[in-house]
Protein backbone atom coordinates (compact mmCIF):
# COMPACT_ATOMS: atom_id res chain seq x y z
CA MET A 1 119.89 87.19 118.00
CA SER A 2 121.33 90.70 117.75
CA ALA A 3 118.98 93.67 117.40
CA ASN A 4 120.51 94.51 114.01
CA LEU A 5 119.88 91.01 112.67
CA TRP A 6 116.31 91.04 113.99
CA VAL A 7 115.61 94.40 112.31
CA GLU A 8 117.05 93.13 109.00
CA GLN A 9 114.85 90.01 109.18
CA PHE A 10 111.83 92.18 110.00
CA ARG A 11 112.69 94.52 107.11
CA ALA A 12 112.74 91.55 104.70
CA LEU A 13 109.46 90.19 106.06
CA HIS A 14 107.88 93.64 105.83
CA ALA A 15 109.02 93.95 102.20
CA ARG A 16 107.31 90.62 101.40
CA ALA A 17 104.13 91.79 103.15
CA ARG A 18 104.20 94.97 101.03
CA LYS A 19 104.11 92.90 97.86
CA GLY A 20 100.86 91.17 98.74
CA PRO A 21 99.13 88.69 101.01
CA LEU A 22 101.42 86.38 102.96
CA PRO A 23 100.71 82.69 103.60
CA GLU A 24 98.83 82.32 106.90
CA ASN A 25 101.81 81.08 108.98
CA GLU A 26 104.05 83.87 107.64
CA LYS A 27 101.27 86.44 108.21
CA ARG A 28 101.03 85.42 111.89
CA ARG A 29 104.82 85.74 112.20
CA TYR A 30 104.72 89.14 110.47
CA LEU A 31 101.95 90.53 112.72
CA ALA A 32 103.82 89.32 115.83
CA ALA A 33 107.02 90.96 114.54
CA CYS A 34 105.09 94.20 113.83
CA GLU A 35 103.81 94.20 117.39
CA GLN A 36 107.30 93.54 118.79
CA PHE A 37 108.82 96.33 116.66
CA ALA A 38 106.01 98.75 117.62
CA ARG A 39 106.46 97.88 121.33
CA ALA A 40 110.15 98.77 121.03
CA LEU A 41 109.23 102.07 119.34
CA THR A 42 106.62 102.99 121.97
CA ALA A 43 109.09 102.16 124.76
CA ALA A 44 111.75 104.33 123.07
CA GLN A 45 109.16 107.13 122.86
CA GLY A 46 108.50 106.83 126.60
CA MET A 47 104.91 105.76 126.01
CA SER A 48 103.14 103.17 128.12
CA LEU A 49 100.30 101.16 126.70
CA PRO A 50 97.13 100.34 128.60
CA PRO A 51 96.80 96.59 129.20
CA GLY A 52 95.49 94.76 126.14
CA GLN A 53 96.24 97.62 123.70
CA SER A 54 98.16 96.95 120.51
CA ALA A 55 101.43 98.85 120.11
CA ARG A 56 100.93 98.57 116.33
CA ARG A 57 97.94 100.89 116.63
CA ASN A 58 99.62 103.34 119.01
CA PHE A 59 103.22 104.02 118.01
CA ARG A 60 103.93 107.43 116.51
CA ILE A 61 106.26 108.59 113.78
CA ALA A 62 107.47 112.19 113.75
CA GLN A 63 106.74 112.90 110.10
CA GLY A 64 105.56 115.86 108.09
CA LEU A 65 102.68 114.73 105.89
CA GLN A 66 100.24 117.10 104.24
CA VAL A 67 96.77 117.02 105.77
CA ASP A 68 93.74 119.00 104.63
CA LEU A 69 91.12 119.67 107.28
CA SER A 70 87.53 120.64 106.41
CA LEU A 71 86.55 122.91 109.28
CA SER A 72 83.35 124.89 109.75
CA THR A 73 85.48 128.01 109.21
CA GLY A 74 86.87 126.65 105.91
CA GLN A 75 89.63 124.47 104.53
CA VAL A 76 92.96 124.36 106.37
CA ARG A 77 96.09 122.77 104.94
CA ALA A 78 98.75 121.77 107.46
CA MET A 79 101.75 119.50 107.90
CA THR A 80 101.63 116.80 110.51
CA LEU A 81 104.12 116.87 113.35
CA ASP A 82 103.56 113.21 114.09
CA VAL A 83 101.26 110.47 112.86
CA SER A 84 99.96 107.20 114.28
CA VAL A 85 97.31 104.82 113.06
CA GLY A 86 94.98 106.48 115.54
CA GLY A 87 95.64 110.14 114.83
CA PHE A 88 97.94 113.05 114.05
CA SER A 89 99.13 116.39 115.42
CA VAL A 90 99.45 119.71 113.58
CA MET A 91 100.21 123.32 114.40
CA MET A 92 97.26 125.71 113.97
CA HIS A 93 96.80 129.42 114.63
CA LYS A 94 93.37 128.74 116.11
CA PRO A 95 92.08 125.29 117.12
CA PRO A 96 88.59 124.25 116.01
CA ALA A 97 85.68 124.15 118.41
CA GLU A 98 85.95 121.21 120.78
CA SER A 99 82.74 119.64 119.45
CA GLU A 100 83.77 119.90 115.79
CA GLU A 101 84.65 116.70 113.91
CA PRO A 102 86.31 117.90 110.72
CA GLY A 103 86.83 115.82 107.64
CA PHE A 104 90.46 115.20 106.77
CA THR A 105 92.56 114.04 103.84
CA LEU A 106 95.99 112.75 104.83
CA ARG A 107 98.44 112.53 101.93
CA LEU A 108 100.72 109.51 102.05
CA PRO A 109 104.26 109.40 100.64
CA GLY A 110 104.96 107.86 97.25
CA ASN A 111 101.77 109.03 95.51
CA LEU A 112 99.70 106.49 97.43
CA GLU A 113 95.98 107.06 97.69
CA PRO A 114 95.35 109.44 100.61
CA VAL A 115 93.59 108.37 103.78
CA THR A 116 90.34 110.25 104.31
CA GLY A 117 87.91 110.32 107.17
CA ARG A 118 86.69 112.32 110.13
CA ALA A 119 88.75 113.52 113.06
CA LYS A 120 88.02 114.56 116.60
CA MET A 121 90.21 116.96 118.53
CA ALA A 122 92.01 115.01 121.26
CA SER A 123 94.12 117.76 122.82
CA VAL A 124 95.37 121.32 122.40
CA GLN A 125 98.65 122.70 123.70
CA ARG A 126 99.02 126.46 123.52
CA LYS A 127 102.38 127.59 122.15
CA ILE A 128 103.70 131.09 121.49
CA GLY A 129 101.35 132.48 118.83
CA THR A 130 100.04 129.07 117.81
CA HIS A 131 98.58 125.79 119.06
CA ARG A 132 99.64 122.17 118.77
CA VAL A 133 96.38 120.35 118.03
CA SER A 134 96.13 116.57 118.20
CA PHE A 135 93.32 114.78 116.41
CA SER A 136 92.11 111.20 116.69
CA MET A 137 90.90 109.58 113.48
CA GLN A 138 87.31 108.37 113.69
CA GLY A 139 85.91 105.27 111.97
CA LEU A 140 88.68 104.56 109.46
CA ALA A 141 88.01 101.61 107.20
CA GLU A 142 90.18 98.59 108.05
CA LYS A 143 91.88 98.76 104.63
CA ASP A 144 92.86 102.41 105.29
CA THR A 145 94.12 101.51 108.76
CA GLU A 146 96.25 98.72 107.26
CA ARG A 147 97.58 101.00 104.50
CA LEU A 148 98.50 103.69 107.01
CA GLU A 149 100.14 101.16 109.32
CA MET A 150 102.22 99.82 106.41
CA VAL A 151 103.40 103.36 105.56
CA LEU A 152 104.28 104.08 109.21
CA PHE A 153 106.39 100.91 109.40
CA ASP A 154 108.07 101.94 106.12
CA LEU A 155 108.91 105.34 107.62
CA ALA A 156 110.21 103.83 110.86
CA LEU A 157 112.38 101.32 109.01
CA GLU A 158 113.79 104.06 106.76
CA ARG A 159 115.24 105.70 109.87
CA ILE A 160 117.08 102.58 110.98
CA LYS A 161 120.21 101.95 108.96
């Protein structure tokens, strides 16, 4: 099967999954296709996955989404540089303290309910006059993880014509 045909079949299956619960056999097929698609994305991004890790939970989308961070120094509104089910990166003038676990509200496209939770700083890269700060999301509810994953697949599929 050609890659284009596979993507079109995945797109159709994803659209059905968006509409509501799939029958069990179709759900298994959908989750396997999600993993296959995410593995292709992580490979294209030059990422390697530790053995036993799900690509669905690790692939990133370069996407600007509004995120509000509740830091000890006050509220900060930023745009994400990239987003995964596990975290996000933003540019900040000053990164938070390493021990700080700020609350966050991540706005999703299409007026969907935002994803909220706590974040932990994963890394900081100093840039000229600013910092690229990556956060990992802590303790997201499974329903929020699934909603975010669905949105990330939507965004990835939008980029493939």
